[in-house]
Amino acid sequence: MGHMHGGHRDRLRHRFEAEGLASFEPHEVRELLLYYSIPQRDTNPLAHELIAKFGSLDRVLDAEIPALTEVEGVGYNTAVLIRLARELFQYYAKSRYDGHIFIDNCEHMGEYMCSRIGMLDREVFAAAAFDAARREIAFDILSEGFVSQTEVQLRKIAEFAILKKADMIVIAHNHVSGGPMPSQADRDATREICDCMGRIGVKVIDHIVTAGDRYFSFAMNDIMPN
């Protein structure tokens, strides 16, 4: 049994080396991570147990260390490793783009939003705030879902823009399945958001829709409402 697990571990490691995580299922990502704190036993049941408790991979990574250790089989080292994975990703994204996010570059903005929300397995709505010098001053995930609650989005994004003293913003949401092509509902919601932000003197420069590491930029495709 140990040899079989070892072979499975080696296959996953070699796949990761060759392809990265692009072809991995969420439970395989969890398994691969757990290998490095649980060397001697099959991590597949534990990977599924974590999902059963928290609901999705990103919620596992978001969980606090005490909550993680409540799951049978998750020791302190494993909980720290899981938490570290999330923190490392955020640190990497911030380090890679810190001081380099300028909203006149749609490609950088698309890649940035993919790094922030593209890989989440729940749909979220996010915004980045920029100052008059076109530098990012804040990023936040404002809510889950996008077009289902446009009125809620309008209030949250206005509060975000005012609180951060934004001169301009970029909004983004992710598609969990399928590609990044926006729906008609996405376009209609974008128009409402642009109108609302215009009334408080904040310009919406772009709307990025992500799907994994792919993205669609409203600005790049000349469909941002005026």
C-alpha atoms as a PDB file:
ATOM      1  CA  MET A   1       0.000   0.000   0.000  1.00  0.00           C
ATOM      2  CA  GLY A   2       2.840   2.387   0.862  1.00  0.00           C
ATOM      3  CA  HIS A   3       4.468   1.644  -2.512  1.00  0.00           C
ATOM      4  CA  MET A   4       1.192   2.411  -4.314  1.00  0.00           C
ATOM      5  CA  HIS A   5       0.895   5.723  -2.467  1.00  0.00           C
ATOM      6  CA  GLY A   6       4.519   6.473  -3.280  1.00  0.00           C
ATOM      7  CA  GLY A   7       3.874   5.852  -6.972  1.00  0.00           C
ATOM      8  CA  HIS A   8       0.836   8.113  -6.896  1.00  0.00           C
ATOM      9  CA  ARG A   9       2.853  10.827  -5.149  1.00  0.00           C
ATOM     10  CA  ASP A  10       5.625  10.559  -7.724  1.00  0.00           C
ATOM     11  CA  ARG A  11       3.122  10.818 -10.593  1.00  0.00           C
ATOM     12  CA  LEU A  12       1.550  13.942  -9.121  1.00  0.00           C
ATOM     13  CA  ARG A  13       4.963  15.507  -8.475  1.00  0.00           C
ATOM     14  CA  HIS A  14       6.117  14.768 -12.028  1.00  0.00           C
ATOM     15  CA  ARG A  15       2.874  16.168 -13.453  1.00  0.00           C
ATOM     16  CA  PHE A  16       3.378  19.324 -11.421  1.00  0.00           C
ATOM     17  CA  GLU A  17       6.990  19.612 -12.605  1.00  0.00           C
ATOM     18  CA  ALA A  18       5.941  19.211 -16.243  1.00  0.00           C
ATOM     19  CA  GLU A  19       2.678  21.171 -16.325  1.00  0.00           C
ATOM     20  CA  GLY A  20       2.265  23.214 -13.151  1.00  0.00           C
ATOM     21  CA  LEU A  21      -1.170  23.054 -11.503  1.00  0.00           C
ATOM     22  CA  ALA A  22      -3.193  23.848 -14.646  1.00  0.00           C
ATOM     23  CA  SER A  23      -4.494  20.291 -15.191  1.00  0.00           C
ATOM     24  CA  PHE A  24      -4.907  19.419 -11.495  1.00  0.00           C
ATOM     25  CA  GLU A  25      -8.282  18.859  -9.900  1.00  0.00           C
ATOM     26  CA  PRO A  26      -8.789  20.744  -6.593  1.00  0.00           C
ATOM     27  CA  HIS A  27      -8.442  17.547  -4.524  1.00  0.00           C
ATOM     28  CA  GLU A  28      -5.130  16.765  -6.273  1.00  0.00           C
ATOM     29  CA  VAL A  29      -3.790  20.205  -5.345  1.00  0.00           C
ATOM     30  CA  ARG A  30      -4.678  19.503  -1.721  1.00  0.00           C
ATOM     31  CA  GLU A  31      -3.067  16.060  -1.862  1.00  0.00           C
ATOM     32  CA  LEU A  32       0.176  17.431  -3.302  1.00  0.00           C
ATOM     33  CA  LEU A  33       0.357  20.086  -0.593  1.00  0.00           C
ATOM     34  CA  LEU A  34      -0.336  17.592   2.184  1.00  0.00           C
ATOM     35  CA  TYR A  35       2.496  15.299   1.007  1.00  0.00           C
ATOM     36  CA  TYR A  36       4.975  17.732   2.503  1.00  0.00           C
ATOM     37  CA  SER A  37       3.640  17.499   6.043  1.00  0.00           C
ATOM     38  CA  ILE A  38       2.220  13.950   6.048  1.00  0.00           C
ATOM     39  CA  PRO A  39       4.925  11.702   4.569  1.00  0.00           C
ATOM     40  CA  GLN A  40       3.753   8.219   5.506  1.00  0.00           C
ATOM     41  CA  ARG A  41       0.085   7.788   4.618  1.00  0.00           C
ATOM     42  CA  ASP A  42      -2.518   8.251   1.908  1.00  0.00           C
ATOM     43  CA  THR A  43      -3.600  11.924   1.968  1.00  0.00           C
ATOM     44  CA  ASN A  44      -6.590  11.501  -0.361  1.00  0.00           C
ATOM     45  CA  PRO A  45      -9.191  10.889   2.407  1.00  0.00           C
ATOM     46  CA  LEU A  46      -7.872  13.862   4.389  1.00  0.00           C
ATOM     47  CA  ALA A  47      -8.000  16.068   1.280  1.00  0.00           C
ATOM     48  CA  HIS A  48     -11.674  15.168   0.845  1.00  0.00           C
ATOM     49  CA  GLU A  49     -12.383  15.631   4.558  1.00  0.00           C
ATOM     50  CA  LEU A  50     -11.002  19.188   4.400  1.00  0.00           C
ATOM     51  CA  ILE A  51     -13.361  19.972   1.533  1.00  0.00           C
ATOM     52  CA  ALA A  52     -16.284  18.406   3.374  1.00  0.00           C
ATOM     53  CA  LYS A  53     -15.627  20.722   6.348  1.00  0.00           C
ATOM     54  CA  PHE A  54     -14.758  23.968   4.551  1.00  0.00           C
ATOM     55  CA  GLY A  55     -16.544  23.617   1.193  1.00  0.00           C
ATOM     56  CA  SER A  56     -13.895  24.494  -1.410  1.00  0.00           C
ATOM     57  CA  LEU A  57     -10.137  24.702  -1.936  1.00  0.00           C
ATOM     58  CA  ASP A  58      -9.946  28.469  -1.463  1.00  0.00           C
ATOM     59  CA  ARG A  59     -11.927  28.215   1.787  1.00  0.00           C
ATOM     60  CA  VAL A  60      -9.495  25.559   3.040  1.00  0.00           C
ATOM     61  CA  LEU A  61      -6.613  27.918   2.278  1.00  0.00           C
ATOM     62  CA  ASP A  62      -8.493  30.800   3.950  1.00  0.00           C
ATOM     63  CA  ALA A  63      -9.163  28.825   7.151  1.00  0.00           C
ATOM     64  CA  GLU A  64      -7.485  29.813  10.408  1.00  0.00           C
ATOM     65  CA  ILE A  65      -4.965  27.411  11.952  1.00  0.00           C
ATOM     66  CA  PRO A  66      -7.161  26.452  14.982  1.00  0.00           C
ATOM     67  CA  ALA A  67     -10.080  25.590  12.675  1.00  0.00           C
ATOM     68  CA  LEU A  68      -7.833  23.456  10.466  1.00  0.00           C
ATOM     69  CA  THR A  69      -6.494  21.468  13.429  1.00  0.00           C
ATOM     70  CA  GLU A  70     -10.075  20.537  14.373  1.00  0.00           C
ATOM     71  CA  VAL A  71     -10.089  18.210  11.350  1.00  0.00           C
ATOM     72  CA  GLU A  72      -8.957  14.737  12.398  1.00  0.00           C
ATOM     73  CA  GLY A  73      -5.534  14.024  10.932  1.00  0.00           C
ATOM     74  CA  VAL A  74      -4.541  17.670  10.569  1.00  0.00           C
ATOM     75  CA  GLY A  75      -1.729  18.455  12.992  1.00  0.00           C
ATOM     76  CA  TYR A  76      -0.218  21.832  13.724  1.00  0.00           C
ATOM     77  CA  ASN A  77       2.506  21.466  11.057  1.00  0.00           C
ATOM     78  CA  THR A  78      -0.058  20.619   8.386  1.00  0.00           C
ATOM     79  CA  ALA A  79      -2.284  23.539   9.399  1.00  0.00           C
ATOM     80  CA  VAL A  80       0.663  25.944   9.205  1.00  0.00           C
ATOM     81  CA  LEU A  81       1.646  24.588   5.771  1.00  0.00           C
ATOM     82  CA  ILE A  82      -1.904  25.062   4.423  1.00  0.00           C
ATOM     83  CA  ARG A  83      -2.035  28.606   5.755  1.00  0.00           C
ATOM     84  CA  LEU A  84       1.460  29.299   4.434  1.00  0.00           C
ATOM     85  CA  ALA A  85       0.409  28.265   0.917  1.00  0.00           C
ATOM     86  CA  ARG A  86      -2.265  30.974   0.815  1.00  0.00           C
ATOM     87  CA  GLU A  87       0.042  33.597   2.310  1.00  0.00           C
ATOM     88  CA  LEU A  88       2.853  32.734  -0.121  1.00  0.00           C
ATOM     89  CA  PHE A  89       0.506  33.121  -3.084  1.00  0.00           C
ATOM     90  CA  GLN A  90      -0.629  36.540  -1.910  1.00  0.00           C
ATOM     91  CA  TYR A  91       2.951  37.572  -1.135  1.00  0.00           C
ATOM     92  CA  TYR A  92       4.045  36.471  -4.597  1.00  0.00           C
ATOM     93  CA  ALA A  93       1.209  38.308  -6.333  1.00  0.00           C
ATOM     94  CA  LYS A  94       1.915  41.476  -4.380  1.00  0.00           C
ATOM     95  CA  SER A  95       5.690  41.255  -4.887  1.00  0.00           C
ATOM     96  CA  ARG A  96       5.334  40.589  -8.592  1.00  0.00           C
ATOM     97  CA  TYR A  97       3.050  43.499  -9.268  1.00  0.00           C
ATOM     98  CA  ASP A  98       3.766  45.939  -6.447  1.00  0.00           C
ATOM     99  CA  GLY A  99       4.614  49.305  -7.938  1.00  0.00           C
ATOM    100  CA  HIS A 100       3.997  48.035 -11.473  1.00  0.00           C
ATOM    101  CA  ILE A 101       0.209  48.122 -11.746  1.00  0.00           C
ATOM    102  CA  PHE A 102      -0.802  50.942 -14.008  1.00  0.00           C
ATOM    103  CA  ILE A 103      -4.279  50.980 -15.470  1.00  0.00           C
ATOM    104  CA  ASP A 104      -3.163  52.100 -18.912  1.00  0.00           C
ATOM    105  CA  ASN A 105      -1.793  48.576 -19.446  1.00  0.00           C
ATOM    106  CA  CYS A 106      -4.759  46.248 -19.954  1.00  0.00           C
ATOM    107  CA  GLU A 107      -2.567  43.162 -20.283  1.00  0.00           C
ATOM    108  CA  HIS A 108      -0.865  43.691 -16.916  1.00  0.00           C
ATOM    109  CA  MET A 109      -4.271  44.345 -15.379  1.00  0.00           C
ATOM    110  CA  GLY A 110      -5.670  41.134 -16.846  1.00  0.00           C
ATOM    111  CA  GLU A 111      -2.726  39.060 -15.619  1.00  0.00           C
ATOM    112  CA  TYR A 112      -2.923  40.722 -12.212  1.00  0.00           C
ATOM    113  CA  MET A 113      -6.614  39.913 -11.801  1.00  0.00           C
ATOM    114  CA  CYS A 114      -5.953  36.312 -12.900  1.00  0.00           C
ATOM    115  CA  SER A 115      -3.328  36.063 -10.143  1.00  0.00           C
ATOM    116  CA  ARG A 116      -5.808  37.461  -7.620  1.00  0.00           C
ATOM    117  CA  ILE A 117      -9.101  35.726  -8.440  1.00  0.00           C
ATOM    118  CA  GLY A 118      -8.646  33.554 -11.537  1.00  0.00           C
ATOM    119  CA  MET A 119      -8.054  30.289  -9.683  1.00  0.00           C
ATOM    120  CA  LEU A 120     -10.784  30.611  -7.041  1.00  0.00           C
ATOM    121  CA  ASP A 121     -13.462  27.911  -7.191  1.00  0.00           C
ATOM    122  CA  ARG A 122     -16.281  30.262  -6.206  1.00  0.00           C
ATOM    123  CA  GLU A 123     -17.391  33.299  -8.173  1.00  0.00           C
ATOM    124  CA  VAL A 124     -16.342  36.606  -6.615  1.00  0.00           C
ATOM    125  CA  PHE A 125     -16.526  40.292  -7.461  1.00  0.00           C
ATOM    126  CA  ALA A 126     -13.403  42.390  -6.819  1.00  0.00           C
ATOM    127  CA  ALA A 127     -12.099  45.902  -7.358  1.00  0.00           C
ATOM    128  CA  ALA A 128      -8.740  47.664  -7.484  1.00  0.00           C
ATOM    129  CA  ALA A 129      -8.496  51.350  -6.579  1.00  0.00           C
ATOM    130  CA  PHE A 130      -6.004  53.759  -8.191  1.00  0.00           C
ATOM    131  CA  ASP A 131      -4.782  57.228  -7.360  1.00  0.00           C
ATOM    132  CA  ALA A 132      -4.413  60.181  -9.733  1.00  0.00           C
ATOM    133  CA  ALA A 133      -0.907  58.982 -10.652  1.00  0.00           C
ATOM    134  CA  ARG A 134      -2.525  55.743 -11.888  1.00  0.00           C
ATOM    135  CA  ARG A 135      -0.911  53.595  -9.177  1.00  0.00           C
ATOM    136  CA  GLU A 136      -2.863  50.906  -7.347  1.00  0.00           C
ATOM    137  CA  ILE A 137      -3.670  51.905  -3.775  1.00  0.00           C
ATOM    138  CA  ALA A 138      -5.982  49.041  -2.770  1.00  0.00           C
ATOM    139  CA  PHE A 139      -7.454  45.717  -3.873  1.00  0.00           C
ATOM    140  CA  ASP A 140     -10.380  43.932  -2.291  1.00  0.00           C
ATOM    141  CA  ILE A 141     -12.809  41.089  -2.940  1.00  0.00           C
ATOM    142  CA  LEU A 142     -16.091  42.877  -2.342  1.00  0.00           C
ATOM    143  CA  SER A 143     -18.593  40.027  -2.523  1.00  0.00           C
ATOM    144  CA  GLU A 144     -19.405  36.595  -3.844  1.00  0.00           C
ATOM    145  CA  GLY A 145     -21.178  36.437  -7.167  1.00  0.00           C
ATOM    146  CA  PHE A 146     -21.470  39.333  -9.600  1.00  0.00           C
ATOM    147  CA  VAL A 147     -24.615  40.010 -11.593  1.00  0.00           C
ATOM    148  CA  SER A 148     -26.984  38.288  -9.156  1.00  0.00           C
ATOM    149  CA  GLN A 149     -27.069  41.273  -6.776  1.00  0.00           C
ATOM    150  CA  THR A 150     -26.230  44.388  -8.753  1.00  0.00           C
ATOM    151  CA  GLU A 151     -27.713  46.779  -6.174  1.00  0.00           C
ATOM    152  CA  VAL A 152     -25.538  45.257  -3.459  1.00  0.00           C
ATOM    153  CA  GLN A 153     -22.500  45.553  -5.748  1.00  0.00           C
ATOM    154  CA  LEU A 154     -23.208  49.228  -6.423  1.00  0.00           C
ATOM    155  CA  ARG A 155     -23.268  50.056  -2.723  1.00  0.00           C
ATOM    156  CA  LYS A 156     -20.171  48.010  -1.909  1.00  0.00           C
ATOM    157  CA  ILE A 157     -18.106  49.385  -4.753  1.00  0.00           C
ATOM    158  CA  ALA A 158     -19.093  52.979  -3.947  1.00  0.00           C
ATOM    159  CA  GLU A 159     -18.098  52.430  -0.302  1.00  0.00           C
ATOM    160  CA  PHE A 160     -14.791  50.875  -1.412  1.00  0.00           C
ATOM    161  CA  ALA A 161     -13.968  53.742  -3.807  1.00  0.00           C
ATOM    162  CA  ILE A 162     -14.823  56.435  -1.249  1.00  0.00           C
ATOM    163  CA  LEU A 163     -13.019  54.719   1.649  1.00  0.00           C
ATOM    164  CA  LYS A 164      -9.839  54.228  -0.413  1.00  0.00           C
ATOM    165  CA  LYS A 165     -10.053  57.762  -1.875  1.00  0.00           C
ATOM    166  CA  ALA A 166      -9.871  56.318  -5.374  1.00  0.00           C
ATOM    167  CA  ASP A 167      -9.631  58.535  -8.434  1.00  0.00           C
ATOM    168  CA  MET A 168     -10.331  55.546 -10.670  1.00  0.00           C
ATOM    169  CA  ILE A 169     -11.050  51.841 -10.285  1.00  0.00           C
ATOM    170  CA  VAL A 170     -10.881  48.577 -12.175  1.00  0.00           C
ATOM    171  CA  ILE A 171     -13.560  45.986 -11.420  1.00  0.00           C
ATOM    172  CA  ALA A 172     -13.228  42.247 -11.946  1.00  0.00           C
ATOM    173  CA  HIS A 173     -15.071  38.999 -11.513  1.00  0.00           C
ATOM    174  CA  ASN A 174     -14.256  35.381 -12.281  1.00  0.00           C
ATOM    175  CA  HIS A 175     -16.020  32.600 -14.154  1.00  0.00           C
ATOM    176  CA  VAL A 176     -15.592  29.314 -12.321  1.00  0.00           C
ATOM    177  CA  SER A 177     -16.466  27.222 -15.389  1.00  0.00           C
ATOM    178  CA  GLY A 178     -16.211  27.957 -19.092  1.00  0.00           C
ATOM    179  CA  GLY A 179     -14.265  30.822 -20.586  1.00  0.00           C
ATOM    180  CA  PRO A 180     -13.926  34.499 -19.657  1.00  0.00           C
ATOM    181  CA  MET A 181     -16.305  35.867 -22.296  1.00  0.00           C
ATOM    182  CA  PRO A 182     -18.752  38.259 -20.584  1.00  0.00           C
ATOM    183  CA  SER A 183     -22.483  37.638 -20.767  1.00  0.00           C
ATOM    184  CA  GLN A 184     -25.055  40.283 -21.671  1.00  0.00           C
ATOM    185  CA  ALA A 185     -25.884  40.465 -17.967  1.00  0.00           C
ATOM    186  CA  ASP A 186     -22.204  41.207 -17.261  1.00  0.00           C
ATOM    187  CA  ARG A 187     -22.302  44.042 -19.798  1.00  0.00           C
ATOM    188  CA  ASP A 188     -25.512  45.484 -18.382  1.00  0.00           C
ATOM    189  CA  ALA A 189     -24.149  45.375 -14.820  1.00  0.00           C
ATOM    190  CA  THR A 190     -20.946  47.080 -15.989  1.00  0.00           C
ATOM    191  CA  ARG A 191     -22.969  49.933 -17.479  1.00  0.00           C
ATOM    192  CA  GLU A 192     -24.879  50.381 -14.206  1.00  0.00           C
ATOM    193  CA  ILE A 193     -21.639  50.412 -12.193  1.00  0.00           C
ATOM    194  CA  CYS A 194     -20.032  52.965 -14.530  1.00  0.00           C
ATOM    195  CA  ASP A 195     -23.098  55.216 -14.249  1.00  0.00           C
ATOM    196  CA  CYS A 196     -23.127  54.948 -10.460  1.00  0.00           C
ATOM    197  CA  MET A 197     -19.397  55.617 -10.093  1.00  0.00           C
ATOM    198  CA  GLY A 198     -19.622  58.549 -12.487  1.00  0.00           C
ATOM    199  CA  ARG A 199     -22.111  60.207 -10.141  1.00  0.00           C
ATOM    200  CA  ILE A 200     -19.527  60.195  -7.335  1.00  0.00           C
ATOM    201  CA  GLY A 201     -16.664  61.291  -9.580  1.00  0.00           C
ATOM    202  CA  VAL A 202     -14.853  57.932  -9.872  1.00  0.00           C
ATOM    203  CA  LYS A 203     -13.998  56.613 -13.334  1.00  0.00           C
ATOM    204  CA  VAL A 204     -14.232  52.875 -14.021  1.00  0.00           C
ATOM    205  CA  ILE A 205     -11.318  52.205 -16.360  1.00  0.00           C
ATOM    206  CA  ASP A 206     -11.803  48.500 -17.067  1.00  0.00           C
ATOM    207  CA  HIS A 207     -13.777  45.406 -16.201  1.00  0.00           C
ATOM    208  CA  ILE A 208     -11.707  42.204 -16.246  1.00  0.00           C
ATOM    209  CA  VAL A 209     -13.417  38.801 -16.425  1.00  0.00           C
ATOM    210  CA  THR A 210     -11.109  35.916 -15.519  1.00  0.00           C
ATOM    211  CA  ALA A 211     -11.335  32.161 -16.059  1.00  0.00           C
ATOM    212  CA  GLY A 212      -8.273  30.437 -14.630  1.00  0.00           C
ATOM    213  CA  ASP A 213      -5.278  32.096 -16.274  1.00  0.00           C
ATOM    214  CA  ARG A 214      -7.347  33.549 -19.142  1.00  0.00           C
ATOM    215  CA  TYR A 215      -9.065  36.905 -19.071  1.00  0.00           C
ATOM    216  CA  PHE A 216     -11.317  39.236 -21.043  1.00  0.00           C
ATOM    217  CA  SER A 217     -10.751  42.994 -20.791  1.00  0.00           C
ATOM    218  CA  PHE A 218     -13.700  45.265 -21.575  1.00  0.00           C
ATOM    219  CA  ALA A 219     -11.286  48.135 -22.280  1.00  0.00           C
ATOM    220  CA  MET A 220      -9.064  46.061 -24.583  1.00  0.00           C
ATOM    221  CA  ASN A 221     -12.155  45.059 -26.560  1.00  0.00           C
ATOM    222  CA  ASP A 222     -13.537  48.625 -26.667  1.00  0.00           C
ATOM    223  CA  ILE A 223     -16.801  47.819 -24.896  1.00  0.00           C
ATOM    224  CA  MET A 224     -16.355  49.843 -21.690  1.00  0.00           C
ATOM    225  CA  PRO A 225     -19.370  52.184 -21.306  1.00  0.00           C
ATOM    226  CA  ASN A 226     -18.406  55.851 -21.750  1.00  0.00           C
END
